[in-house]
Amino acid sequence: MVFKRKPSLDQLNKQIENTMVEYLGIFFTNATEDTISAKMPVDHRTKQPMGLLHGGANVVLAETLGSISSSLTLDSEKQFCVGLEINANHLKSVKDGFVTGTASPIHLGKSTQVWEIKIRNEKNQLCCISRITMAILDRK
């Protein structure tokens, strides 16, 4: 298991209350030994003017999943993480329904981590693939 503690869906969803993540309707749906998944609605909060899922909304979902996943691998009393870089390739448009993102680790180093986030539509088609690099910092 890559996480220091097994994440509970209740705890994950409580953590995002009163944030942009909650406002966009994102909620956590699954946590395994090395992945975390969340769903996001494709609605008035997450669409761009052409009626498609906004690329920035994909990035919010990806950064949320990558950041929280990374933080769960750390001893929170000794370390914390911050995002260094994120990218996203938007592969397929989505007009409605939900998308589901799943974060999985690529590199878990002492000072950096890299997470891959795959976002899929309700037909399980890959819509976006993102990669986030996290800096691991010591608490002072």
Protein backbone atom coordinates (compact mmCIF):
# COMPACT_ATOMS: atom_id res chain seq x y z
CA MET A 1 0.00 0.00 0.00
CA VAL A 2 1.42 3.40 -0.97
CA PHE A 3 -0.74 5.35 1.47
CA LYS A 4 0.38 5.80 5.09
CA ARG A 5 -3.21 5.34 6.15
CA LYS A 6 -6.12 3.75 4.35
CA PRO A 7 -8.25 6.64 3.09
CA SER A 8 -11.91 6.56 4.00
CA LEU A 9 -14.39 8.01 1.53
CA ASP A 10 -16.18 9.82 4.35
CA GLN A 11 -12.93 11.52 5.44
CA LEU A 12 -11.99 12.41 1.86
CA ASN A 13 -15.40 13.94 1.14
CA LYS A 14 -15.41 15.81 4.48
CA GLN A 15 -12.00 17.31 3.62
CA ILE A 16 -13.38 19.11 0.55
CA GLU A 17 -16.39 20.73 2.21
CA ASN A 18 -16.67 24.48 1.59
CA THR A 19 -14.07 24.48 -1.19
CA MET A 20 -14.07 24.97 -4.95
CA VAL A 21 -13.96 21.18 -5.25
CA GLU A 22 -17.29 20.82 -3.46
CA TYR A 23 -18.77 23.72 -5.45
CA LEU A 24 -17.96 21.93 -8.72
CA GLY A 25 -19.79 18.84 -7.42
CA ILE A 26 -16.71 16.63 -7.18
CA PHE A 27 -16.95 13.71 -4.75
CA PHE A 28 -14.73 10.75 -3.95
CA THR A 29 -16.00 7.34 -4.99
CA ASN A 30 -13.24 4.79 -4.44
CA ALA A 31 -9.95 4.30 -2.62
CA THR A 32 -7.71 1.26 -3.05
CA GLU A 33 -4.21 0.49 -1.78
CA ASP A 34 -2.64 2.77 -4.40
CA THR A 35 -5.38 4.74 -6.19
CA ILE A 36 -8.12 7.24 -5.41
CA SER A 37 -11.09 7.98 -7.67
CA ALA A 38 -13.60 10.82 -7.77
CA LYS A 39 -16.57 11.80 -9.95
CA MET A 40 -17.44 15.21 -11.34
CA PRO A 41 -20.71 16.23 -12.99
CA VAL A 42 -20.74 17.73 -16.46
CA ASP A 43 -23.23 20.52 -15.84
CA HIS A 44 -23.56 24.32 -15.66
CA ARG A 45 -20.69 24.48 -13.13
CA THR A 46 -18.18 22.58 -15.24
CA LYS A 47 -19.07 23.38 -18.87
CA GLN A 48 -17.53 26.02 -21.11
CA PRO A 49 -19.69 28.30 -23.33
CA MET A 50 -19.77 25.76 -26.20
CA GLY A 51 -21.59 23.30 -23.91
CA LEU A 52 -18.63 20.95 -23.41
CA LEU A 53 -16.77 19.97 -20.27
CA HIS A 54 -14.29 22.77 -19.57
CA GLY A 55 -10.64 21.74 -19.73
CA GLY A 56 -9.99 23.69 -16.56
CA ALA A 57 -12.57 21.59 -14.73
CA ASN A 58 -10.65 18.48 -15.80
CA VAL A 59 -7.52 20.06 -14.33
CA VAL A 60 -9.30 20.85 -11.04
CA LEU A 61 -10.38 17.20 -10.80
CA ALA A 62 -6.87 15.99 -11.67
CA GLU A 63 -5.10 18.32 -9.24
CA THR A 64 -7.50 17.42 -6.46
CA LEU A 65 -6.89 13.71 -6.95
CA GLY A 66 -3.12 14.05 -7.32
CA SER A 67 -2.68 16.39 -4.37
CA ILE A 68 -4.80 14.41 -1.95
CA SER A 69 -3.24 11.13 -3.08
CA SER A 70 0.24 12.53 -2.55
CA SER A 71 -0.62 13.89 0.90
CA LEU A 72 -1.83 10.45 1.99
CA THR A 73 1.61 8.95 1.36
CA LEU A 74 3.26 11.31 3.86
CA ASP A 75 3.57 11.55 7.62
CA SER A 76 1.50 14.73 7.92
CA GLU A 77 3.24 15.74 11.15
CA LYS A 78 6.62 15.81 9.39
CA GLN A 79 5.88 16.65 5.74
CA PHE A 80 3.39 18.24 3.36
CA CYS A 81 3.13 18.50 -0.41
CA VAL A 82 2.50 21.26 -2.92
CA GLY A 83 1.96 21.12 -6.65
CA LEU A 84 4.93 21.98 -8.89
CA GLU A 85 3.50 21.32 -12.33
CA ILE A 86 0.38 19.88 -13.90
CA ASN A 87 -0.49 19.13 -17.50
CA ALA A 88 -3.55 17.72 -19.19
CA ASN A 89 -4.28 16.30 -22.60
CA HIS A 90 -7.97 16.62 -23.46
CA LEU A 91 -8.70 13.65 -25.71
CA LYS A 92 -12.47 13.46 -26.03
CA SER A 93 -15.23 15.99 -25.44
CA VAL A 94 -18.00 15.34 -22.92
CA LYS A 95 -21.41 17.04 -23.10
CA ASP A 96 -23.27 15.64 -20.08
CA GLY A 97 -23.34 13.05 -17.34
CA PHE A 98 -20.33 12.46 -15.12
CA VAL A 99 -16.63 11.92 -15.58
CA THR A 100 -14.54 9.82 -13.22
CA GLY A 101 -10.88 10.48 -12.50
CA THR A 102 -8.45 7.99 -11.00
CA ALA A 103 -5.03 8.92 -9.67
CA SER A 104 -2.20 6.40 -9.58
CA PRO A 105 1.45 6.89 -8.65
CA ILE A 106 4.23 6.98 -11.24
CA HIS A 107 7.12 8.09 -8.98
CA LEU A 108 7.19 8.34 -5.18
CA GLY A 109 10.52 9.94 -4.35
CA LYS A 110 11.83 11.65 -1.23
CA SER A 111 11.48 15.19 -2.60
CA THR A 112 9.07 14.80 -5.52
CA GLN A 113 6.17 12.63 -6.55
CA VAL A 114 4.53 12.19 -9.94
CA TRP A 115 0.92 11.06 -10.25
CA GLU A 116 -1.06 10.15 -13.37
CA ILE A 117 -4.76 10.93 -13.47
CA LYS A 118 -6.98 9.31 -16.09
CA ILE A 119 -10.41 10.86 -16.57
CA ARG A 120 -13.09 8.75 -18.25
CA ASN A 121 -16.68 9.34 -19.35
CA GLU A 122 -19.64 7.16 -18.43
CA LYS A 123 -18.83 4.84 -21.35
CA ASN A 124 -15.37 4.30 -19.79
CA GLN A 125 -13.75 6.16 -22.70
CA LEU A 126 -10.58 8.08 -21.87
CA CYS A 127 -11.39 11.81 -22.11
CA CYS A 128 -8.36 13.38 -20.44
CA ILE A 129 -5.00 12.24 -19.14
CA SER A 130 -3.13 14.43 -16.72
CA ARG A 131 0.15 14.27 -14.84
CA ILE A 132 0.98 16.24 -11.71
CA THR A 133 4.36 16.68 -10.06
CA MET A 134 4.29 17.31 -6.34
CA ALA A 135 7.07 18.76 -4.19
CA ILE A 136 7.49 17.08 -0.80
CA LEU A 137 8.46 19.60 1.88
CA ASP A 138 9.49 19.18 5.52
CA ARG A 139 7.49 20.96 8.20
CA LYS A 140 9.58 23.39 10.24
